[in-house]
């Protein structure tokens, strides 16, 4: 298993086939993948997009709303292809902010994060009191030290912490900022596990229940 610093150098993590060119709306878009009307949610909002890729979606939002929204994009690599939004280069596991956001999204980004549960709890802590967090999340990629999916213990812990998980759509969400650690110790990650439900190679994360 790899630690996060080593993992972030992996070619699997640098996969540009997933979230590099998705737009805000349309057939290949955040709206389609998250199953919500993002345009309706964004009026007057502060939006943080984690693992934003080239930044197309946040750039489209900025072009549409202008100063009526604040849009911030974060990605591990500096491949931003658009002007207008506030872009940051960094890992979701180390980047920090004193701001709060009305909307935080992570579209197919958690598939490539080592400490997925750490990333989830960090994102939730940046939400406004009535803010929304939405992320594609494959619970089967969160496993114990023996490689077995955590299953029910993970589902119960997420529910207790205030998260909702739709297994069929692989969509994780919560409403309202929270600072609730999940009861698992992160052990490391495997970037050689192969494809997940997206058909793209993904990172499997390993934890020990506390």
N, C-alpha and C. Protein backbone atom coordinates (compact mmCIF):
# COMPACT_ATOMS: atom_id res chain seq x y z
N UNK A 1 0.84 -1.20 0.00
CA UNK A 1 0.00 0.00 0.00
C UNK A 1 0.87 1.24 0.00
N UNK A 2 0.37 2.30 -0.60
CA UNK A 2 1.11 3.54 -0.74
C UNK A 2 0.58 4.58 0.23
N UNK A 3 1.51 5.45 0.72
CA UNK A 3 1.04 6.61 1.48
C UNK A 3 0.57 7.67 0.48
N UNK A 4 -0.07 8.71 0.98
CA UNK A 4 -0.69 9.69 0.08
C UNK A 4 0.33 10.48 -0.72
N UNK A 5 1.48 10.78 -0.14
CA UNK A 5 2.50 11.53 -0.86
C UNK A 5 3.00 10.74 -2.07
N UNK A 6 3.24 9.45 -1.88
CA UNK A 6 3.67 8.61 -2.99
C UNK A 6 2.53 8.39 -3.98
N UNK A 7 1.33 8.21 -3.47
CA UNK A 7 0.18 7.95 -4.32
C UNK A 7 -0.06 9.10 -5.29
N UNK A 8 0.14 10.33 -4.86
CA UNK A 8 -0.15 11.48 -5.70
C UNK A 8 0.80 11.60 -6.89
N UNK A 9 1.86 10.79 -6.91
CA UNK A 9 2.76 10.73 -8.06
C UNK A 9 2.37 9.63 -9.03
N UNK A 10 1.34 8.86 -8.70
CA UNK A 10 0.92 7.73 -9.52
C UNK A 10 0.26 8.17 -10.81
N UNK A 11 0.49 7.41 -11.87
CA UNK A 11 -0.15 7.72 -13.15
C UNK A 11 -1.65 7.49 -13.09
N UNK A 12 -2.11 6.62 -12.19
CA UNK A 12 -3.55 6.41 -12.03
C UNK A 12 -4.20 7.66 -11.46
N UNK A 13 -3.56 8.28 -10.50
CA UNK A 13 -4.10 9.50 -9.89
C UNK A 13 -4.11 10.65 -10.90
N UNK A 14 -3.13 10.66 -11.80
CA UNK A 14 -3.06 11.71 -12.81
C UNK A 14 -3.93 11.42 -14.02
N UNK A 15 -4.83 10.47 -13.92
CA UNK A 15 -5.72 10.08 -15.01
C UNK A 15 -6.48 11.28 -15.56
N UNK A 16 -6.27 11.58 -16.84
CA UNK A 16 -6.97 12.72 -17.43
C UNK A 16 -8.19 12.32 -18.23
N UNK A 17 -8.61 11.07 -18.10
CA UNK A 17 -9.79 10.61 -18.84
C UNK A 17 -11.08 10.84 -18.09
N UNK A 18 -10.99 11.25 -16.82
CA UNK A 18 -12.19 11.33 -16.01
C UNK A 18 -12.76 12.75 -15.95
N UNK A 19 -12.14 13.62 -15.19
CA UNK A 19 -12.80 14.90 -14.89
C UNK A 19 -12.05 16.08 -15.47
N UNK A 20 -11.52 15.95 -16.66
CA UNK A 20 -10.77 17.06 -17.23
C UNK A 20 -11.64 18.00 -18.07
N UNK A 21 -12.68 17.48 -18.70
CA UNK A 21 -13.41 18.30 -19.66
C UNK A 21 -14.91 18.38 -19.39
N UNK A 22 -15.40 17.92 -18.24
CA UNK A 22 -16.83 18.00 -17.97
C UNK A 22 -17.26 19.45 -17.83
N UNK A 23 -18.42 19.75 -18.42
CA UNK A 23 -18.99 21.07 -18.30
C UNK A 23 -20.01 21.15 -17.17
N UNK A 24 -20.64 22.30 -17.04
CA UNK A 24 -21.64 22.51 -16.00
C UNK A 24 -22.94 21.79 -16.33
N UNK A 25 -23.37 21.88 -17.60
CA UNK A 25 -24.62 21.26 -18.04
C UNK A 25 -24.37 20.51 -19.34
N UNK A 26 -25.35 19.67 -19.72
CA UNK A 26 -25.22 18.94 -20.97
C UNK A 26 -24.97 17.47 -20.74
N UNK A 27 -24.71 16.71 -21.83
CA UNK A 27 -24.56 15.26 -21.72
C UNK A 27 -23.32 14.82 -20.95
N UNK A 28 -22.25 15.57 -21.01
CA UNK A 28 -21.02 15.25 -20.27
C UNK A 28 -20.79 16.35 -19.25
N UNK A 29 -21.52 16.27 -18.13
CA UNK A 29 -21.55 17.43 -17.25
C UNK A 29 -21.71 17.05 -15.79
N UNK A 30 -21.45 18.03 -14.94
CA UNK A 30 -21.67 17.88 -13.51
C UNK A 30 -23.15 17.66 -13.22
N UNK A 31 -24.02 18.41 -13.90
CA UNK A 31 -25.45 18.28 -13.67
C UNK A 31 -25.91 16.84 -13.91
N UNK A 32 -25.43 16.23 -14.98
CA UNK A 32 -25.80 14.84 -15.30
C UNK A 32 -25.23 13.88 -14.27
N UNK A 33 -23.95 14.02 -13.93
CA UNK A 33 -23.31 13.05 -13.05
C UNK A 33 -23.79 13.15 -11.61
N UNK A 34 -24.11 14.35 -11.17
CA UNK A 34 -24.58 14.53 -9.79
C UNK A 34 -26.09 14.43 -9.67
N UNK A 35 -26.80 14.54 -10.78
CA UNK A 35 -28.24 14.38 -10.76
C UNK A 35 -28.99 15.52 -10.10
N UNK A 36 -28.42 16.73 -10.13
CA UNK A 36 -29.08 17.90 -9.55
C UNK A 36 -28.99 19.06 -10.54
N UNK A 37 -29.84 20.06 -10.34
CA UNK A 37 -29.83 21.26 -11.17
C UNK A 37 -28.84 22.25 -10.56
N UNK A 38 -27.58 22.14 -10.98
CA UNK A 38 -26.56 23.00 -10.39
C UNK A 38 -26.79 24.47 -10.70
N UNK A 39 -27.31 24.78 -11.86
CA UNK A 39 -27.56 26.19 -12.20
C UNK A 39 -28.51 26.81 -11.19
N UNK A 40 -29.55 26.09 -10.82
CA UNK A 40 -30.51 26.60 -9.83
C UNK A 40 -29.85 26.75 -8.46
N UNK A 41 -28.92 25.86 -8.12
CA UNK A 41 -28.29 25.92 -6.81
C UNK A 41 -27.25 27.03 -6.70
N UNK A 42 -26.74 27.51 -7.84
CA UNK A 42 -25.57 28.38 -7.80
C UNK A 42 -25.89 29.87 -7.68
N UNK A 43 -27.10 30.27 -7.95
CA UNK A 43 -27.42 31.70 -7.88
C UNK A 43 -27.07 32.26 -6.50
N UNK A 44 -26.12 33.20 -6.47
CA UNK A 44 -25.71 33.84 -5.23
C UNK A 44 -24.86 32.99 -4.32
N UNK A 45 -24.38 31.86 -4.81
CA UNK A 45 -23.69 30.90 -3.95
C UNK A 45 -22.17 31.06 -4.00
N UNK A 46 -21.53 30.43 -3.03
CA UNK A 46 -20.08 30.24 -3.02
C UNK A 46 -19.83 28.77 -3.28
N UNK A 47 -19.13 28.46 -4.40
CA UNK A 47 -18.97 27.08 -4.85
C UNK A 47 -17.50 26.71 -4.84
N UNK A 48 -17.19 25.59 -4.19
CA UNK A 48 -15.85 25.00 -4.21
C UNK A 48 -15.93 23.68 -4.94
N UNK A 49 -15.17 23.55 -6.02
CA UNK A 49 -15.15 22.31 -6.80
C UNK A 49 -13.81 21.62 -6.57
N UNK A 50 -13.85 20.48 -5.88
CA UNK A 50 -12.65 19.71 -5.58
C UNK A 50 -12.33 18.77 -6.74
N UNK A 51 -11.04 18.63 -7.04
CA UNK A 51 -10.60 17.79 -8.16
C UNK A 51 -11.25 18.28 -9.45
N UNK A 52 -11.09 19.57 -9.71
CA UNK A 52 -11.86 20.25 -10.77
C UNK A 52 -11.32 20.02 -12.17
N UNK A 53 -10.19 19.32 -12.32
CA UNK A 53 -9.66 19.06 -13.65
C UNK A 53 -9.26 20.35 -14.36
N UNK A 54 -9.66 20.48 -15.60
CA UNK A 54 -9.31 21.67 -16.37
C UNK A 54 -10.07 22.91 -15.92
N UNK A 55 -11.13 22.72 -15.13
CA UNK A 55 -11.89 23.86 -14.63
C UNK A 55 -13.02 24.31 -15.53
N UNK A 56 -13.41 23.49 -16.48
CA UNK A 56 -14.45 23.90 -17.43
C UNK A 56 -15.77 24.22 -16.72
N UNK A 57 -16.20 23.38 -15.80
CA UNK A 57 -17.50 23.58 -15.17
C UNK A 57 -17.54 24.87 -14.35
N UNK A 58 -16.51 25.12 -13.55
CA UNK A 58 -16.52 26.35 -12.76
C UNK A 58 -16.37 27.58 -13.64
N UNK A 59 -15.63 27.45 -14.75
CA UNK A 59 -15.50 28.57 -15.67
C UNK A 59 -16.85 28.89 -16.33
N UNK A 60 -17.62 27.85 -16.67
CA UNK A 60 -18.93 28.08 -17.26
C UNK A 60 -19.86 28.76 -16.24
N UNK A 61 -19.76 28.35 -14.98
CA UNK A 61 -20.58 28.99 -13.96
C UNK A 61 -20.21 30.45 -13.79
N UNK A 62 -18.92 30.75 -13.79
CA UNK A 62 -18.48 32.13 -13.64
C UNK A 62 -18.93 32.97 -14.83
N UNK A 63 -18.85 32.41 -16.03
CA UNK A 63 -19.28 33.14 -17.22
C UNK A 63 -20.79 33.39 -17.19
N UNK A 64 -21.54 32.45 -16.67
CA UNK A 64 -23.00 32.58 -16.63
C UNK A 64 -23.46 33.56 -15.56
N UNK A 65 -22.88 33.47 -14.37
CA UNK A 65 -23.37 34.25 -13.23
C UNK A 65 -22.57 35.52 -12.96
N UNK A 66 -21.35 35.59 -13.46
CA UNK A 66 -20.53 36.76 -13.18
C UNK A 66 -20.26 36.91 -11.69
N UNK A 67 -20.42 38.13 -11.20
CA UNK A 67 -20.13 38.42 -9.79
C UNK A 67 -21.22 37.93 -8.84
N UNK A 68 -22.28 37.30 -9.37
CA UNK A 68 -23.34 36.79 -8.51
C UNK A 68 -22.95 35.49 -7.82
N UNK A 69 -21.83 34.91 -8.23
CA UNK A 69 -21.32 33.72 -7.57
C UNK A 69 -19.82 33.88 -7.33
N UNK A 70 -19.35 33.15 -6.34
CA UNK A 70 -17.90 32.98 -6.18
C UNK A 70 -17.60 31.53 -6.49
N UNK A 71 -16.71 31.29 -7.42
CA UNK A 71 -16.38 29.92 -7.80
C UNK A 71 -14.89 29.68 -7.58
N UNK A 72 -14.59 28.56 -6.92
CA UNK A 72 -13.22 28.19 -6.57
C UNK A 72 -12.98 26.77 -7.04
N UNK A 73 -11.89 26.55 -7.75
CA UNK A 73 -11.53 25.22 -8.20
C UNK A 73 -10.22 24.77 -7.57
N UNK A 74 -10.16 23.51 -7.17
CA UNK A 74 -8.94 22.93 -6.60
C UNK A 74 -8.61 21.65 -7.36
N UNK A 75 -7.36 21.53 -7.78
CA UNK A 75 -6.92 20.29 -8.41
C UNK A 75 -5.47 20.02 -8.06
N UNK A 76 -5.11 18.75 -8.13
CA UNK A 76 -3.76 18.33 -7.76
C UNK A 76 -2.72 18.83 -8.75
N UNK A 77 -3.12 19.00 -10.02
CA UNK A 77 -2.17 19.44 -11.05
C UNK A 77 -2.68 20.72 -11.70
N UNK A 78 -1.76 21.50 -12.21
CA UNK A 78 -2.07 22.80 -12.80
C UNK A 78 -2.36 22.63 -14.29
N UNK A 79 -3.55 22.09 -14.59
CA UNK A 79 -3.98 21.92 -15.97
C UNK A 79 -5.20 22.78 -16.26
N UNK A 80 -5.32 23.90 -15.57
CA UNK A 80 -6.49 24.76 -15.74
C UNK A 80 -6.43 25.41 -17.12
N UNK A 81 -7.51 25.29 -17.86
CA UNK A 81 -7.54 25.76 -19.25
C UNK A 81 -8.44 26.96 -19.44
N UNK A 82 -8.93 27.55 -18.34
CA UNK A 82 -9.93 28.61 -18.46
C UNK A 82 -9.57 29.77 -17.54
N UNK A 83 -10.08 30.94 -17.88
CA UNK A 83 -9.88 32.13 -17.09
C UNK A 83 -11.18 32.46 -16.35
N UNK A 84 -11.04 33.19 -15.25
CA UNK A 84 -12.22 33.68 -14.54
C UNK A 84 -12.35 33.16 -13.13
N UNK A 85 -12.42 31.84 -12.93
CA UNK A 85 -12.55 31.33 -11.56
C UNK A 85 -11.26 31.49 -10.76
N UNK A 86 -11.39 31.29 -9.47
CA UNK A 86 -10.25 31.28 -8.56
C UNK A 86 -9.75 29.84 -8.47
N UNK A 87 -8.58 29.58 -9.03
CA UNK A 87 -8.03 28.23 -9.06
C UNK A 87 -6.89 28.07 -8.05
N UNK A 88 -6.82 26.88 -7.44
CA UNK A 88 -5.74 26.54 -6.53
C UNK A 88 -5.18 25.18 -6.92
N UNK A 89 -3.87 25.02 -6.80
CA UNK A 89 -3.21 23.74 -7.03
C UNK A 89 -2.89 23.13 -5.67
N UNK A 90 -3.35 21.91 -5.44
CA UNK A 90 -3.07 21.27 -4.17
C UNK A 90 -3.91 20.01 -4.00
N UNK A 91 -3.58 19.28 -2.96
CA UNK A 91 -4.29 18.06 -2.62
C UNK A 91 -5.47 18.38 -1.71
N UNK A 92 -6.57 17.71 -1.91
CA UNK A 92 -7.73 17.88 -1.03
C UNK A 92 -7.40 17.47 0.40
N UNK A 93 -6.32 16.71 0.57
CA UNK A 93 -5.94 16.24 1.90
C UNK A 93 -5.02 17.20 2.64
N UNK A 94 -4.48 18.20 1.93
CA UNK A 94 -3.57 19.14 2.59
C UNK A 94 -3.97 20.60 2.40
N UNK A 95 -4.70 20.89 1.34
CA UNK A 95 -5.15 22.27 1.11
C UNK A 95 -6.09 22.69 2.24
N UNK A 96 -6.03 23.96 2.62
CA UNK A 96 -6.91 24.42 3.69
C UNK A 96 -7.50 25.77 3.34
N UNK A 97 -8.58 26.10 3.98
CA UNK A 97 -9.25 27.37 3.76
C UNK A 97 -9.98 27.79 5.02
N UNK A 98 -10.07 29.11 5.22
CA UNK A 98 -10.87 29.64 6.33
C UNK A 98 -12.27 30.02 5.86
N UNK A 99 -12.54 29.87 4.57
CA UNK A 99 -13.85 30.22 4.01
C UNK A 99 -14.84 29.08 4.21
N UNK A 100 -16.11 29.41 4.07
CA UNK A 100 -17.15 28.39 4.03
C UNK A 100 -17.89 28.53 2.70
N UNK A 101 -18.50 27.44 2.26
CA UNK A 101 -19.08 27.39 0.93
C UNK A 101 -20.52 26.87 1.00
N UNK A 102 -21.33 27.39 0.09
CA UNK A 102 -22.72 26.96 -0.01
C UNK A 102 -22.85 25.65 -0.79
N UNK A 103 -21.86 25.39 -1.64
CA UNK A 103 -21.86 24.16 -2.43
C UNK A 103 -20.42 23.68 -2.57
N UNK A 104 -20.20 22.41 -2.26
CA UNK A 104 -18.91 21.77 -2.51
C UNK A 104 -19.18 20.50 -3.30
N UNK A 105 -18.48 20.36 -4.42
CA UNK A 105 -18.64 19.19 -5.27
C UNK A 105 -17.31 18.49 -5.46
N UNK A 106 -17.38 17.19 -5.73
CA UNK A 106 -16.20 16.41 -6.12
C UNK A 106 -16.68 15.37 -7.12
N UNK A 107 -16.58 15.70 -8.40
CA UNK A 107 -17.12 14.86 -9.46
C UNK A 107 -16.05 13.87 -9.91
N UNK A 108 -16.23 12.62 -9.55
CA UNK A 108 -15.32 11.53 -9.90
C UNK A 108 -13.89 11.76 -9.43
N UNK A 109 -13.71 12.61 -8.42
CA UNK A 109 -12.37 12.86 -7.91
C UNK A 109 -11.95 11.93 -6.79
N UNK A 110 -12.91 11.52 -5.95
CA UNK A 110 -12.57 10.67 -4.81
C UNK A 110 -12.04 9.31 -5.25
N UNK A 111 -12.31 8.91 -6.49
CA UNK A 111 -11.78 7.63 -6.98
C UNK A 111 -10.26 7.60 -6.94
N UNK A 112 -9.62 8.77 -6.94
CA UNK A 112 -8.16 8.86 -7.05
C UNK A 112 -7.50 9.39 -5.78
N UNK A 113 -8.27 9.53 -4.73
CA UNK A 113 -7.75 10.00 -3.45
C UNK A 113 -7.44 8.80 -2.57
N UNK A 114 -6.32 8.87 -1.84
CA UNK A 114 -5.98 7.79 -0.92
C UNK A 114 -6.89 7.77 0.28
N UNK A 115 -6.77 8.75 1.14
CA UNK A 115 -7.61 8.82 2.34
C UNK A 115 -8.95 9.45 1.97
N UNK A 116 -9.82 8.64 1.37
CA UNK A 116 -11.11 9.14 0.91
C UNK A 116 -11.96 9.67 2.07
N UNK A 117 -11.95 8.95 3.19
CA UNK A 117 -12.78 9.37 4.32
C UNK A 117 -12.25 10.67 4.93
N UNK A 118 -10.94 10.83 4.94
CA UNK A 118 -10.37 12.09 5.40
C UNK A 118 -10.77 13.24 4.50
N UNK A 119 -10.78 13.00 3.19
CA UNK A 119 -11.18 14.05 2.23
C UNK A 119 -12.65 14.42 2.43
N UNK A 120 -13.49 13.42 2.67
CA UNK A 120 -14.91 13.67 2.87
C UNK A 120 -15.16 14.53 4.10
N UNK A 121 -14.52 14.19 5.20
CA UNK A 121 -14.75 14.95 6.43
C UNK A 121 -14.17 16.35 6.34
N UNK A 122 -13.05 16.52 5.63
CA UNK A 122 -12.49 17.85 5.45
C UNK A 122 -13.47 18.72 4.63
N UNK A 123 -14.00 18.15 3.55
CA UNK A 123 -14.93 18.91 2.72
C UNK A 123 -16.16 19.33 3.51
N UNK A 124 -16.70 18.42 4.30
CA UNK A 124 -17.89 18.74 5.09
C UNK A 124 -17.63 19.86 6.08
N UNK A 125 -16.40 19.96 6.57
CA UNK A 125 -16.08 21.01 7.55
C UNK A 125 -16.02 22.39 6.91
N UNK A 126 -15.95 22.46 5.58
CA UNK A 126 -15.90 23.74 4.88
C UNK A 126 -17.28 24.22 4.43
N UNK A 127 -18.32 23.48 4.75
CA UNK A 127 -19.66 23.87 4.33
C UNK A 127 -20.24 24.96 5.23
N UNK A 128 -21.05 25.82 4.62
CA UNK A 128 -21.87 26.74 5.40
C UNK A 128 -22.94 25.94 6.14
N UNK A 129 -23.64 26.60 7.05
CA UNK A 129 -24.62 25.91 7.89
C UNK A 129 -25.69 25.20 7.07
N UNK A 130 -26.05 25.77 5.92
CA UNK A 130 -27.04 25.12 5.06
C UNK A 130 -26.42 24.72 3.72
N UNK A 131 -25.09 24.58 3.69
CA UNK A 131 -24.41 24.23 2.45
C UNK A 131 -24.59 22.77 2.08
N UNK A 132 -24.36 22.47 0.79
CA UNK A 132 -24.54 21.13 0.25
C UNK A 132 -23.19 20.57 -0.23
N UNK A 133 -22.92 19.31 0.15
CA UNK A 133 -21.77 18.58 -0.36
C UNK A 133 -22.29 17.44 -1.22
N UNK A 134 -21.73 17.33 -2.44
CA UNK A 134 -22.13 16.29 -3.38
C UNK A 134 -20.88 15.69 -4.01
N UNK A 135 -20.77 14.37 -4.00
CA UNK A 135 -19.58 13.73 -4.55
C UNK A 135 -19.89 12.35 -5.08
N UNK A 136 -19.28 12.00 -6.20
CA UNK A 136 -19.29 10.61 -6.65
C UNK A 136 -18.37 9.82 -5.73
N UNK A 137 -18.88 8.67 -5.25
CA UNK A 137 -18.14 7.92 -4.24
C UNK A 137 -18.50 6.45 -4.37
N UNK A 138 -17.48 5.61 -4.50
CA UNK A 138 -17.70 4.17 -4.59
C UNK A 138 -17.32 3.54 -3.26
N UNK A 139 -18.30 3.19 -2.46
CA UNK A 139 -18.03 2.61 -1.14
C UNK A 139 -17.27 1.30 -1.23
N UNK A 140 -17.37 0.59 -2.36
CA UNK A 140 -16.65 -0.67 -2.52
C UNK A 140 -15.14 -0.47 -2.58
N UNK A 141 -14.69 0.76 -2.84
CA UNK A 141 -13.26 1.07 -2.88
C UNK A 141 -12.71 1.45 -1.51
N UNK A 142 -13.53 1.34 -0.47
CA UNK A 142 -13.09 1.57 0.91
C UNK A 142 -13.09 0.22 1.61
N UNK A 143 -11.90 -0.28 1.97
CA UNK A 143 -11.76 -1.67 2.43
C UNK A 143 -10.95 -1.74 3.72
N UNK A 144 -11.03 -2.90 4.36
CA UNK A 144 -10.25 -3.11 5.58
C UNK A 144 -8.83 -3.54 5.24
N UNK A 145 -8.06 -3.90 6.25
CA UNK A 145 -6.66 -4.25 6.03
C UNK A 145 -6.49 -5.54 5.24
N UNK A 146 -7.56 -6.32 5.12
CA UNK A 146 -7.51 -7.58 4.38
C UNK A 146 -8.06 -7.43 2.96
N UNK A 147 -8.45 -6.23 2.59
CA UNK A 147 -8.98 -5.99 1.25
C UNK A 147 -10.46 -6.23 1.10
N UNK A 148 -11.17 -6.39 2.21
CA UNK A 148 -12.61 -6.64 2.16
C UNK A 148 -13.35 -5.31 2.30
N UNK A 149 -14.30 -5.00 1.41
CA UNK A 149 -15.06 -3.75 1.55
C UNK A 149 -15.66 -3.61 2.94
N UNK A 150 -15.62 -2.39 3.48
CA UNK A 150 -16.09 -2.16 4.85
C UNK A 150 -17.60 -2.30 4.97
N UNK A 151 -18.32 -2.12 3.88
CA UNK A 151 -19.74 -2.43 3.86
C UNK A 151 -20.57 -1.75 4.92
N UNK A 152 -21.29 -2.56 5.71
CA UNK A 152 -22.23 -2.04 6.69
C UNK A 152 -21.60 -1.12 7.72
N UNK A 153 -20.42 -1.45 8.29
CA UNK A 153 -19.82 -0.52 9.25
C UNK A 153 -19.57 0.86 8.65
N UNK A 154 -19.16 0.91 7.39
CA UNK A 154 -18.95 2.19 6.74
C UNK A 154 -20.27 2.91 6.54
N UNK A 155 -21.27 2.20 6.04
CA UNK A 155 -22.59 2.81 5.82
C UNK A 155 -23.16 3.37 7.12
N UNK A 156 -23.03 2.62 8.20
CA UNK A 156 -23.56 3.07 9.49
C UNK A 156 -22.80 4.30 9.99
N UNK A 157 -21.48 4.31 9.82
CA UNK A 157 -20.68 5.45 10.28
C UNK A 157 -21.00 6.70 9.48
N UNK A 158 -21.17 6.56 8.19
CA UNK A 158 -21.53 7.72 7.36
C UNK A 158 -22.89 8.27 7.77
N UNK A 159 -23.85 7.39 7.99
CA UNK A 159 -25.19 7.81 8.38
C UNK A 159 -25.16 8.52 9.74
N UNK A 160 -24.42 7.97 10.68
CA UNK A 160 -24.31 8.58 12.00
C UNK A 160 -23.68 9.96 11.93
N UNK A 161 -22.74 10.14 11.00
CA UNK A 161 -22.07 11.44 10.85
C UNK A 161 -22.89 12.44 10.03
N UNK A 162 -24.05 12.01 9.53
CA UNK A 162 -24.93 12.93 8.82
C UNK A 162 -24.82 12.91 7.31
N UNK A 163 -24.14 11.90 6.77
CA UNK A 163 -24.02 11.77 5.32
C UNK A 163 -25.10 10.83 4.79
N UNK A 164 -25.52 11.08 3.57
CA UNK A 164 -26.43 10.18 2.86
C UNK A 164 -25.67 9.55 1.71
N UNK A 165 -25.85 8.23 1.53
CA UNK A 165 -25.15 7.55 0.44
C UNK A 165 -26.14 6.76 -0.38
N UNK A 166 -26.19 7.07 -1.67
CA UNK A 166 -27.01 6.34 -2.63
C UNK A 166 -26.10 5.35 -3.34
N UNK A 167 -26.17 4.08 -2.94
CA UNK A 167 -25.25 3.09 -3.49
C UNK A 167 -25.50 2.86 -4.97
N UNK A 168 -26.75 2.90 -5.38
CA UNK A 168 -27.06 2.68 -6.79
C UNK A 168 -26.45 3.73 -7.70
N UNK A 169 -26.49 4.98 -7.26
CA UNK A 169 -25.92 6.07 -8.06
C UNK A 169 -24.49 6.40 -7.66
N UNK A 170 -23.99 5.73 -6.60
CA UNK A 170 -22.66 6.02 -6.06
C UNK A 170 -22.50 7.52 -5.80
N UNK A 171 -23.44 8.05 -5.05
CA UNK A 171 -23.45 9.48 -4.76
C UNK A 171 -23.52 9.70 -3.26
N UNK A 172 -22.57 10.46 -2.75
CA UNK A 172 -22.49 10.81 -1.34
C UNK A 172 -22.88 12.27 -1.17
N UNK A 173 -23.63 12.56 -0.13
CA UNK A 173 -24.06 13.94 0.08
C UNK A 173 -24.26 14.23 1.55
N UNK A 174 -24.25 15.51 1.88
CA UNK A 174 -24.67 15.96 3.20
C UNK A 174 -25.08 17.42 3.09
N UNK A 175 -25.85 17.86 4.05
CA UNK A 175 -26.30 19.25 4.12
C UNK A 175 -25.89 19.81 5.47
N UNK A 176 -25.18 20.94 5.42
CA UNK A 176 -24.78 21.61 6.66
C UNK A 176 -23.38 21.26 7.08
N UNK A 177 -22.60 22.28 7.41
CA UNK A 177 -21.23 22.07 7.83
C UNK A 177 -21.15 21.21 9.08
N UNK A 178 -20.12 20.38 9.12
CA UNK A 178 -19.96 19.48 10.26
C UNK A 178 -18.48 19.14 10.41
N UNK A 179 -18.08 18.84 11.61
CA UNK A 179 -16.71 18.43 11.89
C UNK A 179 -16.78 17.14 12.69
N UNK A 180 -17.09 16.05 12.00
CA UNK A 180 -17.31 14.76 12.64
C UNK A 180 -16.35 13.74 12.05
N UNK A 181 -15.29 13.37 12.76
CA UNK A 181 -14.38 12.35 12.23
C UNK A 181 -15.07 11.00 12.13
N UNK A 182 -14.70 10.23 11.13
CA UNK A 182 -15.24 8.90 10.96
C UNK A 182 -14.35 7.89 11.69
N UNK A 183 -14.93 6.84 12.28
CA UNK A 183 -14.19 5.96 13.19
C UNK A 183 -13.35 4.89 12.48
N UNK A 184 -12.42 5.36 11.64
CA UNK A 184 -11.55 4.45 10.92
C UNK A 184 -10.15 5.03 10.86
N UNK A 185 -9.16 4.16 10.98
CA UNK A 185 -7.76 4.57 10.85
C UNK A 185 -7.29 4.26 9.43
N UNK A 186 -6.78 5.29 8.76
CA UNK A 186 -6.31 5.12 7.38
C UNK A 186 -4.98 4.38 7.37
N UNK A 187 -4.88 3.34 6.53
CA UNK A 187 -3.68 2.51 6.47
C UNK A 187 -2.85 2.73 5.22
N UNK A 188 -3.45 3.21 4.17
CA UNK A 188 -2.75 3.40 2.91
C UNK A 188 -3.66 3.03 1.75
N UNK A 189 -3.13 3.11 0.53
CA UNK A 189 -3.96 2.92 -0.65
C UNK A 189 -3.24 2.07 -1.69
N UNK A 190 -4.03 1.51 -2.59
CA UNK A 190 -3.53 0.63 -3.65
C UNK A 190 -3.96 1.21 -4.99
N UNK A 191 -2.97 1.58 -5.82
CA UNK A 191 -3.29 2.13 -7.14
C UNK A 191 -3.24 1.08 -8.23
N UNK A 192 -3.12 -0.20 -7.85
CA UNK A 192 -3.06 -1.29 -8.83
C UNK A 192 -4.31 -2.17 -8.76
N UNK A 193 -5.37 -1.66 -8.16
CA UNK A 193 -6.57 -2.47 -7.97
C UNK A 193 -7.39 -2.63 -9.24
N UNK A 194 -7.15 -1.79 -10.25
CA UNK A 194 -7.87 -1.91 -11.50
C UNK A 194 -9.09 -1.00 -11.56
N UNK A 195 -9.94 -1.19 -12.57
CA UNK A 195 -11.09 -0.31 -12.77
C UNK A 195 -12.16 -0.48 -11.69
N UNK A 196 -12.86 0.62 -11.42
CA UNK A 196 -14.06 0.54 -10.58
C UNK A 196 -15.28 0.65 -11.48
N UNK A 197 -16.42 1.06 -10.96
CA UNK A 197 -17.65 1.06 -11.74
C UNK A 197 -17.60 2.00 -12.94
N UNK A 198 -16.67 2.96 -12.95
CA UNK A 198 -16.56 3.90 -14.07
C UNK A 198 -15.89 3.28 -15.29
N UNK A 199 -15.23 2.14 -15.08
CA UNK A 199 -14.45 1.54 -16.15
C UNK A 199 -13.02 2.04 -16.21
N UNK A 200 -12.68 3.01 -15.34
CA UNK A 200 -11.33 3.56 -15.29
C UNK A 200 -10.59 3.02 -14.07
N UNK A 201 -9.26 2.83 -14.17
CA UNK A 201 -8.49 2.42 -13.00
C UNK A 201 -8.71 3.39 -11.84
N UNK A 202 -8.87 2.87 -10.64
CA UNK A 202 -9.15 3.69 -9.47
C UNK A 202 -8.23 3.27 -8.32
N UNK A 203 -8.28 4.04 -7.27
CA UNK A 203 -7.48 3.80 -6.07
C UNK A 203 -8.37 3.19 -5.01
N UNK A 204 -7.92 2.07 -4.44
CA UNK A 204 -8.61 1.43 -3.32
C UNK A 204 -7.96 1.89 -2.02
N UNK A 205 -8.77 2.30 -1.05
CA UNK A 205 -8.28 2.84 0.22
C UNK A 205 -8.54 1.84 1.32
N UNK A 206 -7.56 1.69 2.22
CA UNK A 206 -7.64 0.68 3.28
C UNK A 206 -7.67 1.35 4.66
N UNK A 207 -8.55 0.82 5.51
CA UNK A 207 -8.76 1.39 6.85
C UNK A 207 -8.88 0.28 7.88
N UNK A 208 -8.62 0.64 9.10
CA UNK A 208 -8.86 -0.23 10.25
C UNK A 208 -9.96 0.40 11.10
N UNK A 209 -11.07 -0.29 11.32
CA UNK A 209 -12.13 0.27 12.19
C UNK A 209 -11.59 0.54 13.59
N UNK A 210 -12.01 1.64 14.18
CA UNK A 210 -11.59 2.00 15.54
C UNK A 210 -12.64 1.57 16.55
